């Protein structure tokens, strides 16, 4: 894109590992929709555990919150549930242990790791960064449909269709 004259001032990512490392010199925003989807994958939409319910309710405030309030809520949640998160289960056959609430731990870890990137759009209002990838995902929906219509094509012909579409 830069070779075609575009200047990349910021990026909005969907959370795939390694992508944000490619853009270490510009502001990176983590998509709120994708962050919520990650949490839903770990906790489900209707968590059974009280800790999961509380964490999910914090995540559902993401779009209306600011970095300080969201971080405080996350810290308070962790303080309240830190011993619960450290519970271990021992496998009696192998005598090895694992954390009992692995998915809850993973959801929390995802939020903590992505926290520096969840509010980039508010730290850089002059760049007008969106907080989701929705506009980009929507613009490629037509392209996906076009490729899907031609199911029997080999990959090289599909790539030609994509290239022709993008050059319009």
N, C-alpha and C. Protein backbone atom coordinates (compact mmCIF):
# COMPACT_ATOMS: atom_id res chain seq x y z
N UNK A 1 0.83 -1.19 0.00
CA UNK A 1 0.00 0.00 0.00
C UNK A 1 0.87 1.25 0.00
N UNK A 2 1.95 1.22 0.77
CA UNK A 2 2.82 2.39 0.82
C UNK A 2 3.49 2.64 -0.53
N UNK A 3 3.78 1.55 -1.27
CA UNK A 3 4.39 1.70 -2.59
C UNK A 3 3.41 2.34 -3.59
N UNK A 4 2.12 2.30 -3.28
CA UNK A 4 1.11 2.91 -4.15
C UNK A 4 0.76 4.34 -3.70
N UNK A 5 1.52 4.85 -2.74
CA UNK A 5 1.32 6.23 -2.34
C UNK A 5 0.50 6.44 -1.08
N UNK A 6 0.07 5.37 -0.45
CA UNK A 6 -0.70 5.50 0.78
C UNK A 6 0.24 5.72 1.96
N UNK A 7 -0.22 6.51 2.93
CA UNK A 7 0.51 6.69 4.18
C UNK A 7 -0.31 6.05 5.28
N UNK A 8 0.28 5.09 5.94
CA UNK A 8 -0.42 4.39 7.02
C UNK A 8 -0.13 5.13 8.32
N UNK A 9 -1.19 5.72 8.90
CA UNK A 9 -1.04 6.50 10.12
C UNK A 9 -1.39 5.71 11.36
N UNK A 10 -2.24 4.69 11.20
CA UNK A 10 -2.65 3.83 12.32
C UNK A 10 -3.28 2.57 11.73
N UNK A 11 -3.36 1.52 12.54
CA UNK A 11 -4.00 0.29 12.09
C UNK A 11 -4.97 -0.20 13.16
N UNK A 12 -6.01 -0.88 12.70
CA UNK A 12 -6.96 -1.53 13.60
C UNK A 12 -6.82 -3.03 13.32
N UNK A 13 -6.51 -3.80 14.35
CA UNK A 13 -6.24 -5.22 14.17
C UNK A 13 -7.33 -6.06 14.80
N UNK A 14 -7.40 -7.31 14.37
CA UNK A 14 -8.44 -8.21 14.88
C UNK A 14 -7.93 -9.16 15.95
N UNK A 15 -6.68 -9.03 16.35
CA UNK A 15 -6.16 -9.83 17.45
C UNK A 15 -5.33 -11.02 17.04
N UNK A 16 -5.09 -11.19 15.76
CA UNK A 16 -4.24 -12.30 15.34
C UNK A 16 -2.83 -12.08 15.87
N UNK A 17 -2.23 -13.15 16.38
CA UNK A 17 -0.90 -13.00 16.98
C UNK A 17 0.14 -12.54 15.97
N UNK A 18 1.02 -11.67 16.41
CA UNK A 18 2.12 -11.23 15.59
C UNK A 18 1.84 -10.02 14.71
N UNK A 19 0.57 -9.73 14.45
CA UNK A 19 0.25 -8.63 13.53
C UNK A 19 0.65 -7.29 14.13
N UNK A 20 0.39 -7.09 15.40
CA UNK A 20 0.71 -5.79 15.98
C UNK A 20 2.20 -5.53 16.03
N UNK A 21 3.02 -6.58 16.04
CA UNK A 21 4.47 -6.41 16.03
C UNK A 21 4.96 -5.83 14.70
N UNK A 22 4.20 -6.03 13.64
CA UNK A 22 4.57 -5.49 12.33
C UNK A 22 4.44 -3.97 12.30
N UNK A 23 3.62 -3.42 13.19
CA UNK A 23 3.34 -1.99 13.18
C UNK A 23 3.80 -1.33 14.49
N UNK A 24 5.02 -1.58 14.86
CA UNK A 24 5.51 -1.06 16.15
C UNK A 24 5.73 0.45 16.14
N UNK A 25 5.81 1.05 14.95
CA UNK A 25 6.12 2.47 14.86
C UNK A 25 4.89 3.37 14.67
N UNK A 26 3.70 2.78 14.60
CA UNK A 26 2.47 3.57 14.46
C UNK A 26 1.43 3.09 15.47
N UNK A 27 0.42 3.92 15.77
CA UNK A 27 -0.61 3.51 16.73
C UNK A 27 -1.39 2.29 16.24
N UNK A 28 -1.61 1.36 17.18
CA UNK A 28 -2.34 0.12 16.89
C UNK A 28 -3.57 0.07 17.79
N UNK A 29 -4.73 -0.14 17.18
CA UNK A 29 -6.00 -0.26 17.90
C UNK A 29 -6.50 -1.69 17.78
N UNK A 30 -6.84 -2.30 18.90
CA UNK A 30 -7.44 -3.64 18.90
C UNK A 30 -8.94 -3.47 18.70
N UNK A 31 -9.49 -4.21 17.76
CA UNK A 31 -10.92 -4.14 17.45
C UNK A 31 -11.75 -4.60 18.66
N UNK A 32 -12.68 -3.76 19.09
CA UNK A 32 -13.53 -4.09 20.24
C UNK A 32 -14.40 -5.30 19.95
N UNK A 33 -14.92 -5.38 18.75
CA UNK A 33 -15.77 -6.52 18.39
C UNK A 33 -14.99 -7.83 18.51
N UNK A 34 -13.76 -7.84 17.98
CA UNK A 34 -12.96 -9.06 18.03
C UNK A 34 -12.52 -9.40 19.46
N UNK A 35 -12.25 -8.38 20.28
CA UNK A 35 -11.90 -8.64 21.68
C UNK A 35 -13.08 -9.28 22.40
N UNK A 36 -14.27 -8.77 22.17
CA UNK A 36 -15.46 -9.36 22.79
C UNK A 36 -15.68 -10.79 22.29
N UNK A 37 -15.41 -11.03 21.01
CA UNK A 37 -15.56 -12.38 20.46
C UNK A 37 -14.56 -13.35 21.10
N UNK A 38 -13.36 -12.88 21.36
CA UNK A 38 -12.35 -13.71 22.03
C UNK A 38 -12.85 -14.09 23.42
N UNK A 39 -13.37 -13.11 24.14
CA UNK A 39 -13.88 -13.37 25.50
C UNK A 39 -15.07 -14.33 25.44
N UNK A 40 -15.97 -14.14 24.48
CA UNK A 40 -17.11 -15.05 24.34
C UNK A 40 -16.65 -16.47 24.03
N UNK A 41 -15.58 -16.59 23.28
CA UNK A 41 -15.04 -17.92 22.97
C UNK A 41 -14.54 -18.62 24.23
N UNK A 42 -13.91 -17.86 25.11
CA UNK A 42 -13.41 -18.46 26.36
C UNK A 42 -14.50 -18.67 27.40
N UNK A 43 -15.40 -17.71 27.53
CA UNK A 43 -16.38 -17.75 28.63
C UNK A 43 -17.77 -18.20 28.22
N UNK A 44 -18.09 -18.18 26.95
CA UNK A 44 -19.41 -18.38 26.37
C UNK A 44 -20.26 -17.13 26.63
N UNK A 45 -21.40 -17.07 26.00
CA UNK A 45 -22.28 -15.90 26.20
C UNK A 45 -23.02 -15.96 27.53
N UNK A 46 -23.10 -17.14 28.09
CA UNK A 46 -23.78 -17.30 29.38
C UNK A 46 -22.90 -18.11 30.33
N UNK A 47 -21.86 -17.47 30.89
CA UNK A 47 -20.96 -18.20 31.79
C UNK A 47 -21.70 -18.71 33.03
N UNK A 48 -21.29 -19.87 33.49
CA UNK A 48 -21.92 -20.44 34.68
C UNK A 48 -21.27 -19.95 35.96
N UNK A 49 -19.96 -19.76 35.93
CA UNK A 49 -19.24 -19.32 37.12
C UNK A 49 -19.48 -17.84 37.39
N UNK A 50 -19.58 -17.49 38.64
CA UNK A 50 -19.80 -16.09 39.03
C UNK A 50 -18.65 -15.21 38.55
N UNK A 51 -17.43 -15.71 38.64
CA UNK A 51 -16.26 -14.94 38.18
C UNK A 51 -16.37 -14.66 36.69
N UNK A 52 -16.82 -15.63 35.92
CA UNK A 52 -17.00 -15.47 34.48
C UNK A 52 -18.08 -14.46 34.16
N UNK A 53 -19.17 -14.51 34.93
CA UNK A 53 -20.25 -13.54 34.72
C UNK A 53 -19.77 -12.12 34.97
N UNK A 54 -19.02 -11.95 36.04
CA UNK A 54 -18.51 -10.62 36.38
C UNK A 54 -17.53 -10.11 35.32
N UNK A 55 -16.62 -10.98 34.88
CA UNK A 55 -15.64 -10.57 33.88
C UNK A 55 -16.34 -10.22 32.57
N UNK A 56 -17.29 -11.01 32.18
CA UNK A 56 -18.03 -10.74 30.93
C UNK A 56 -18.80 -9.42 31.03
N UNK A 57 -19.35 -9.12 32.20
CA UNK A 57 -20.07 -7.85 32.35
C UNK A 57 -19.11 -6.66 32.22
N UNK A 58 -17.89 -6.82 32.68
CA UNK A 58 -16.88 -5.76 32.50
C UNK A 58 -16.57 -5.59 31.02
N UNK A 59 -16.39 -6.69 30.32
CA UNK A 59 -16.07 -6.64 28.89
C UNK A 59 -17.20 -6.00 28.09
N UNK A 60 -18.42 -6.22 28.49
CA UNK A 60 -19.55 -5.65 27.76
C UNK A 60 -19.62 -4.12 27.89
N UNK A 61 -18.87 -3.54 28.82
CA UNK A 61 -18.82 -2.08 28.96
C UNK A 61 -17.67 -1.47 28.15
N UNK A 62 -16.93 -2.29 27.45
CA UNK A 62 -15.72 -1.85 26.75
C UNK A 62 -15.96 -0.64 25.85
N UNK A 63 -16.99 -0.67 25.04
CA UNK A 63 -17.23 0.42 24.08
C UNK A 63 -17.65 1.73 24.75
N UNK A 64 -18.24 1.66 25.92
CA UNK A 64 -18.69 2.87 26.60
C UNK A 64 -17.68 3.37 27.64
N UNK A 65 -16.63 2.62 27.85
CA UNK A 65 -15.69 2.91 28.92
C UNK A 65 -14.49 3.69 28.40
N UNK A 66 -13.67 4.13 29.35
CA UNK A 66 -12.37 4.70 28.99
C UNK A 66 -11.29 3.82 29.60
N UNK A 67 -10.06 4.07 29.22
CA UNK A 67 -8.96 3.18 29.61
C UNK A 67 -8.81 3.08 31.12
N UNK A 68 -8.88 4.19 31.81
CA UNK A 68 -8.68 4.20 33.26
C UNK A 68 -9.78 3.40 33.98
N UNK A 69 -11.04 3.66 33.64
CA UNK A 69 -12.14 2.95 34.28
C UNK A 69 -12.13 1.45 33.96
N UNK A 70 -11.83 1.14 32.71
CA UNK A 70 -11.80 -0.27 32.30
C UNK A 70 -10.67 -1.00 33.02
N UNK A 71 -9.50 -0.38 33.08
CA UNK A 71 -8.35 -0.98 33.76
C UNK A 71 -8.64 -1.15 35.25
N UNK A 72 -9.27 -0.15 35.87
CA UNK A 72 -9.62 -0.24 37.29
C UNK A 72 -10.60 -1.39 37.54
N UNK A 73 -11.61 -1.51 36.69
CA UNK A 73 -12.59 -2.58 36.84
C UNK A 73 -11.92 -3.94 36.69
N UNK A 74 -11.00 -4.05 35.74
CA UNK A 74 -10.27 -5.30 35.52
C UNK A 74 -9.38 -5.64 36.72
N UNK A 75 -8.72 -4.63 37.27
CA UNK A 75 -7.87 -4.85 38.45
C UNK A 75 -8.70 -5.26 39.67
N UNK A 76 -9.83 -4.60 39.85
CA UNK A 76 -10.70 -4.95 40.99
C UNK A 76 -11.21 -6.39 40.82
N UNK A 77 -11.58 -6.76 39.60
CA UNK A 77 -12.04 -8.12 39.34
C UNK A 77 -10.93 -9.11 39.68
N UNK A 78 -9.71 -8.82 39.24
CA UNK A 78 -8.60 -9.73 39.50
C UNK A 78 -8.30 -9.85 40.99
N UNK A 79 -8.37 -8.75 41.71
CA UNK A 79 -8.14 -8.79 43.15
C UNK A 79 -9.20 -9.66 43.84
N UNK A 80 -10.43 -9.55 43.39
CA UNK A 80 -11.52 -10.32 44.00
C UNK A 80 -11.42 -11.81 43.68
N UNK A 81 -10.88 -12.17 42.51
CA UNK A 81 -10.90 -13.56 42.06
C UNK A 81 -9.51 -14.18 41.92
N UNK A 82 -8.47 -13.53 42.42
CA UNK A 82 -7.12 -14.03 42.20
C UNK A 82 -6.89 -15.42 42.80
N UNK A 83 -7.44 -15.70 43.95
CA UNK A 83 -7.23 -17.02 44.55
C UNK A 83 -8.04 -18.09 43.81
N UNK A 84 -9.20 -17.71 43.33
CA UNK A 84 -10.03 -18.61 42.54
C UNK A 84 -9.29 -19.00 41.25
N UNK A 85 -8.62 -18.01 40.64
CA UNK A 85 -7.88 -18.26 39.40
C UNK A 85 -6.67 -19.17 39.63
N UNK A 86 -6.17 -19.21 40.84
CA UNK A 86 -4.98 -20.03 41.14
C UNK A 86 -5.32 -21.46 41.54
N UNK A 87 -6.62 -21.78 41.61
CA UNK A 87 -7.01 -23.15 41.97
C UNK A 87 -6.44 -24.14 40.98
N UNK A 88 -5.97 -25.26 41.53
CA UNK A 88 -5.37 -26.30 40.70
C UNK A 88 -6.12 -27.61 40.87
N UNK A 89 -6.08 -28.41 39.81
CA UNK A 89 -6.66 -29.74 39.84
C UNK A 89 -5.53 -30.72 39.59
N UNK A 90 -5.47 -31.76 40.42
CA UNK A 90 -4.42 -32.77 40.27
C UNK A 90 -5.00 -34.00 39.59
N UNK A 91 -4.33 -34.43 38.55
CA UNK A 91 -4.70 -35.66 37.85
C UNK A 91 -4.13 -36.82 38.66
N UNK A 92 -5.01 -37.64 39.24
CA UNK A 92 -4.55 -38.70 40.14
C UNK A 92 -3.77 -39.80 39.41
N UNK A 93 -4.00 -39.97 38.11
CA UNK A 93 -3.27 -40.99 37.36
C UNK A 93 -1.83 -40.57 37.08
N UNK A 94 -1.63 -39.33 36.71
CA UNK A 94 -0.28 -38.87 36.35
C UNK A 94 0.37 -38.08 37.48
N UNK A 95 -0.39 -37.71 38.48
CA UNK A 95 0.08 -36.90 39.60
C UNK A 95 0.57 -35.52 39.15
N UNK A 96 0.05 -35.06 38.02
CA UNK A 96 0.38 -33.73 37.52
C UNK A 96 -0.82 -32.82 37.75
N UNK A 97 -0.55 -31.52 37.82
CA UNK A 97 -1.63 -30.58 38.06
C UNK A 97 -1.82 -29.65 36.87
N UNK A 98 -3.00 -29.07 36.80
CA UNK A 98 -3.30 -28.01 35.85
C UNK A 98 -4.25 -27.03 36.54
N UNK A 99 -4.29 -25.81 36.00
CA UNK A 99 -5.20 -24.83 36.58
C UNK A 99 -6.64 -25.25 36.30
N UNK A 100 -7.47 -25.14 37.31
CA UNK A 100 -8.86 -25.58 37.21
C UNK A 100 -9.66 -24.71 36.24
N UNK A 101 -9.42 -23.41 36.26
CA UNK A 101 -10.22 -22.47 35.47
C UNK A 101 -9.39 -21.90 34.32
N UNK A 102 -8.93 -22.78 33.45
CA UNK A 102 -8.04 -22.39 32.35
C UNK A 102 -8.66 -21.36 31.42
N UNK A 103 -9.90 -21.55 31.08
CA UNK A 103 -10.55 -20.64 30.12
C UNK A 103 -10.77 -19.25 30.73
N UNK A 104 -11.09 -19.20 31.99
CA UNK A 104 -11.26 -17.93 32.69
C UNK A 104 -9.91 -17.20 32.76
N UNK A 105 -8.86 -17.94 33.06
CA UNK A 105 -7.51 -17.37 33.10
C UNK A 105 -7.11 -16.83 31.72
N UNK A 106 -7.44 -17.59 30.67
CA UNK A 106 -7.10 -17.18 29.31
C UNK A 106 -7.86 -15.91 28.91
N UNK A 107 -9.11 -15.81 29.31
CA UNK A 107 -9.91 -14.61 29.00
C UNK A 107 -9.29 -13.39 29.67
N UNK A 108 -8.93 -13.53 30.93
CA UNK A 108 -8.31 -12.42 31.66
C UNK A 108 -6.96 -12.04 31.03
N UNK A 109 -6.16 -13.04 30.70
CA UNK A 109 -4.85 -12.80 30.09
C UNK A 109 -5.00 -12.06 28.75
N UNK A 110 -5.99 -12.43 27.97
CA UNK A 110 -6.25 -11.76 26.70
C UNK A 110 -6.54 -10.27 26.92
N UNK A 111 -7.37 -9.99 27.90
CA UNK A 111 -7.70 -8.59 28.20
C UNK A 111 -6.48 -7.81 28.68
N UNK A 112 -5.70 -8.42 29.54
CA UNK A 112 -4.51 -7.74 30.07
C UNK A 112 -3.49 -7.49 28.96
N UNK A 113 -3.29 -8.47 28.08
CA UNK A 113 -2.33 -8.32 26.99
C UNK A 113 -2.78 -7.28 25.96
N UNK A 114 -4.08 -7.21 25.72
CA UNK A 114 -4.60 -6.29 24.71
C UNK A 114 -4.97 -4.92 25.25
N UNK A 115 -4.95 -4.76 26.56
CA UNK A 115 -5.36 -3.48 27.17
C UNK A 115 -4.63 -2.27 26.59
N UNK A 116 -3.32 -2.33 26.35
CA UNK A 116 -2.64 -1.15 25.79
C UNK A 116 -3.14 -0.77 24.39
N UNK A 117 -3.84 -1.68 23.73
CA UNK A 117 -4.29 -1.44 22.36
C UNK A 117 -5.80 -1.23 22.25
N UNK A 118 -6.53 -1.33 23.35
CA UNK A 118 -7.98 -1.21 23.31
C UNK A 118 -8.47 0.23 23.27
N UNK A 119 -7.65 1.17 23.70
CA UNK A 119 -8.10 2.57 23.77
C UNK A 119 -7.19 3.51 23.00
N UNK A 120 -6.48 2.99 22.02
CA UNK A 120 -5.60 3.81 21.18
C UNK A 120 -6.41 4.89 20.47
N UNK A 121 -7.63 4.54 20.05
CA UNK A 121 -8.46 5.50 19.34
C UNK A 121 -8.80 6.72 20.19
N UNK A 122 -8.81 6.57 21.50
CA UNK A 122 -9.09 7.71 22.39
C UNK A 122 -7.82 8.50 22.70
N UNK A 123 -6.67 7.82 22.66
CA UNK A 123 -5.41 8.52 22.91
C UNK A 123 -4.97 9.35 21.71
N UNK A 124 -5.48 9.01 20.51
CA UNK A 124 -5.11 9.72 19.28
C UNK A 124 -6.37 10.20 18.54
N UNK A 125 -7.13 11.12 19.13
CA UNK A 125 -8.38 11.55 18.47
C UNK A 125 -8.13 12.25 17.14
N UNK A 126 -6.95 12.85 16.98
CA UNK A 126 -6.65 13.56 15.74
C UNK A 126 -6.55 12.62 14.53
N UNK A 127 -6.29 11.32 14.78
CA UNK A 127 -6.17 10.35 13.69
C UNK A 127 -7.52 9.76 13.28
N UNK A 128 -8.53 9.99 14.12
CA UNK A 128 -9.89 9.49 13.80
C UNK A 128 -9.90 7.98 13.56
N UNK A 129 -9.28 7.24 14.46
CA UNK A 129 -9.16 5.78 14.34
C UNK A 129 -10.47 5.14 14.78
N UNK A 130 -11.04 4.24 13.99
CA UNK A 130 -12.24 3.52 14.45
C UNK A 130 -11.86 2.50 15.53
N UNK A 131 -12.81 2.13 16.37
CA UNK A 131 -12.50 1.15 17.42
C UNK A 131 -12.86 -0.27 16.99
N UNK A 132 -13.33 -0.44 15.76
CA UNK A 132 -13.61 -1.78 15.23
C UNK A 132 -13.14 -1.88 13.79
N UNK A 133 -13.09 -3.10 13.28
CA UNK A 133 -12.73 -3.32 11.88
C UNK A 133 -13.99 -3.46 11.02
N UNK A 134 -15.15 -3.09 11.53
CA UNK A 134 -16.42 -3.30 10.83
C UNK A 134 -16.45 -2.69 9.43
N UNK A 135 -15.95 -1.47 9.26
CA UNK A 135 -16.00 -0.85 7.94
C UNK A 135 -15.14 -1.60 6.94
N UNK A 136 -14.02 -2.11 7.40
CA UNK A 136 -13.15 -2.89 6.51
C UNK A 136 -13.76 -4.24 6.19
N UNK A 137 -14.27 -4.92 7.21
CA UNK A 137 -14.90 -6.22 7.01
C UNK A 137 -16.08 -6.12 6.06
N UNK A 138 -16.86 -5.06 6.17
CA UNK A 138 -18.01 -4.86 5.31
C UNK A 138 -17.62 -4.61 3.87
N UNK A 139 -16.50 -3.92 3.66
CA UNK A 139 -16.09 -3.64 2.29
C UNK A 139 -15.58 -4.87 1.56
N UNK A 140 -15.14 -5.87 2.30
CA UNK A 140 -14.66 -7.10 1.67
C UNK A 140 -15.75 -8.16 1.55
N UNK A 141 -16.92 -7.89 2.08
CA UNK A 141 -18.02 -8.86 2.00
C UNK A 141 -18.38 -9.14 0.54
N UNK A 142 -18.42 -8.10 -0.27
CA UNK A 142 -18.74 -8.27 -1.69
C UNK A 142 -17.68 -9.13 -2.38
N UNK A 143 -16.43 -8.90 -2.07
CA UNK A 143 -15.33 -9.67 -2.66
C UNK A 143 -15.42 -11.14 -2.26
N UNK A 144 -15.71 -11.40 -1.00
CA UNK A 144 -15.86 -12.78 -0.53
C UNK A 144 -17.00 -13.48 -1.27
N UNK A 145 -18.09 -12.75 -1.46
CA UNK A 145 -19.24 -13.30 -2.18
C UNK A 145 -18.88 -13.62 -3.63
N UNK A 146 -18.13 -12.72 -4.25
CA UNK A 146 -17.71 -12.92 -5.64
C UNK A 146 -16.87 -14.18 -5.79
N UNK A 147 -15.94 -14.38 -4.89
CA UNK A 147 -15.08 -15.58 -4.94
C UNK A 147 -15.88 -16.83 -4.61
N UNK A 148 -16.82 -16.70 -3.68
CA UNK A 148 -17.63 -17.86 -3.28
C UNK A 148 -18.55 -18.32 -4.42
N UNK A 149 -19.00 -17.37 -5.24
CA UNK A 149 -19.87 -17.72 -6.36
C UNK A 149 -19.18 -18.64 -7.36
N UNK A 150 -17.87 -18.51 -7.45
CA UNK A 150 -17.08 -19.31 -8.39
C UNK A 150 -16.34 -20.40 -7.63
N UNK A 151 -17.09 -21.31 -7.04
CA UNK A 151 -16.51 -22.33 -6.16
C UNK A 151 -15.51 -23.24 -6.85
N UNK A 152 -15.73 -23.56 -8.12
CA UNK A 152 -14.91 -24.56 -8.78
C UNK A 152 -13.57 -24.04 -9.28
N UNK A 153 -13.30 -22.76 -9.10
CA UNK A 153 -12.06 -22.20 -9.62
C UNK A 153 -10.85 -22.61 -8.79
N UNK A 154 -9.75 -22.78 -9.47
CA UNK A 154 -8.49 -23.06 -8.78
C UNK A 154 -8.00 -21.76 -8.13
N UNK A 155 -7.08 -21.91 -7.21
CA UNK A 155 -6.62 -20.77 -6.41
C UNK A 155 -6.02 -19.66 -7.26
N UNK A 156 -5.29 -20.01 -8.34
CA UNK A 156 -4.67 -18.96 -9.16
C UNK A 156 -5.71 -18.11 -9.88
N UNK A 157 -6.82 -18.73 -10.28
CA UNK A 157 -7.89 -17.95 -10.91
C UNK A 157 -8.64 -17.10 -9.90
N UNK A 158 -8.80 -17.62 -8.69
CA UNK A 158 -9.44 -16.83 -7.63
C UNK A 158 -8.59 -15.59 -7.32
N UNK A 159 -7.27 -15.77 -7.30
CA UNK A 159 -6.38 -14.64 -7.05
C UNK A 159 -6.49 -13.60 -8.15
N UNK A 160 -6.67 -14.03 -9.40
CA UNK A 160 -6.85 -13.09 -10.51
C UNK A 160 -8.14 -12.30 -10.34
N UNK A 161 -9.20 -12.97 -9.89
CA UNK A 161 -10.47 -12.28 -9.65
C UNK A 161 -10.27 -11.20 -8.56
N UNK A 162 -9.59 -11.57 -7.50
CA UNK A 162 -9.36 -10.64 -6.40
C UNK A 162 -8.52 -9.45 -6.87
N UNK A 163 -7.47 -9.73 -7.63
CA UNK A 163 -6.62 -8.65 -8.13
C UNK A 163 -7.41 -7.71 -9.05
N UNK A 164 -8.21 -8.27 -9.92
CA UNK A 164 -9.01 -7.46 -10.83
C UNK A 164 -10.00 -6.60 -10.05
N UNK A 165 -10.59 -7.16 -9.01
CA UNK A 165 -11.55 -6.42 -8.19
C UNK A 165 -10.86 -5.26 -7.45
N UNK A 166 -9.68 -5.52 -6.91
CA UNK A 166 -8.98 -4.49 -6.14
C UNK A 166 -8.41 -3.38 -7.01
N UNK A 167 -8.19 -3.66 -8.29
CA UNK A 167 -7.62 -2.64 -9.18
C UNK A 167 -8.67 -1.69 -9.72
N UNK A 168 -9.94 -1.95 -9.46
CA UNK A 168 -11.02 -1.06 -9.94
C UNK A 168 -10.89 0.31 -9.34
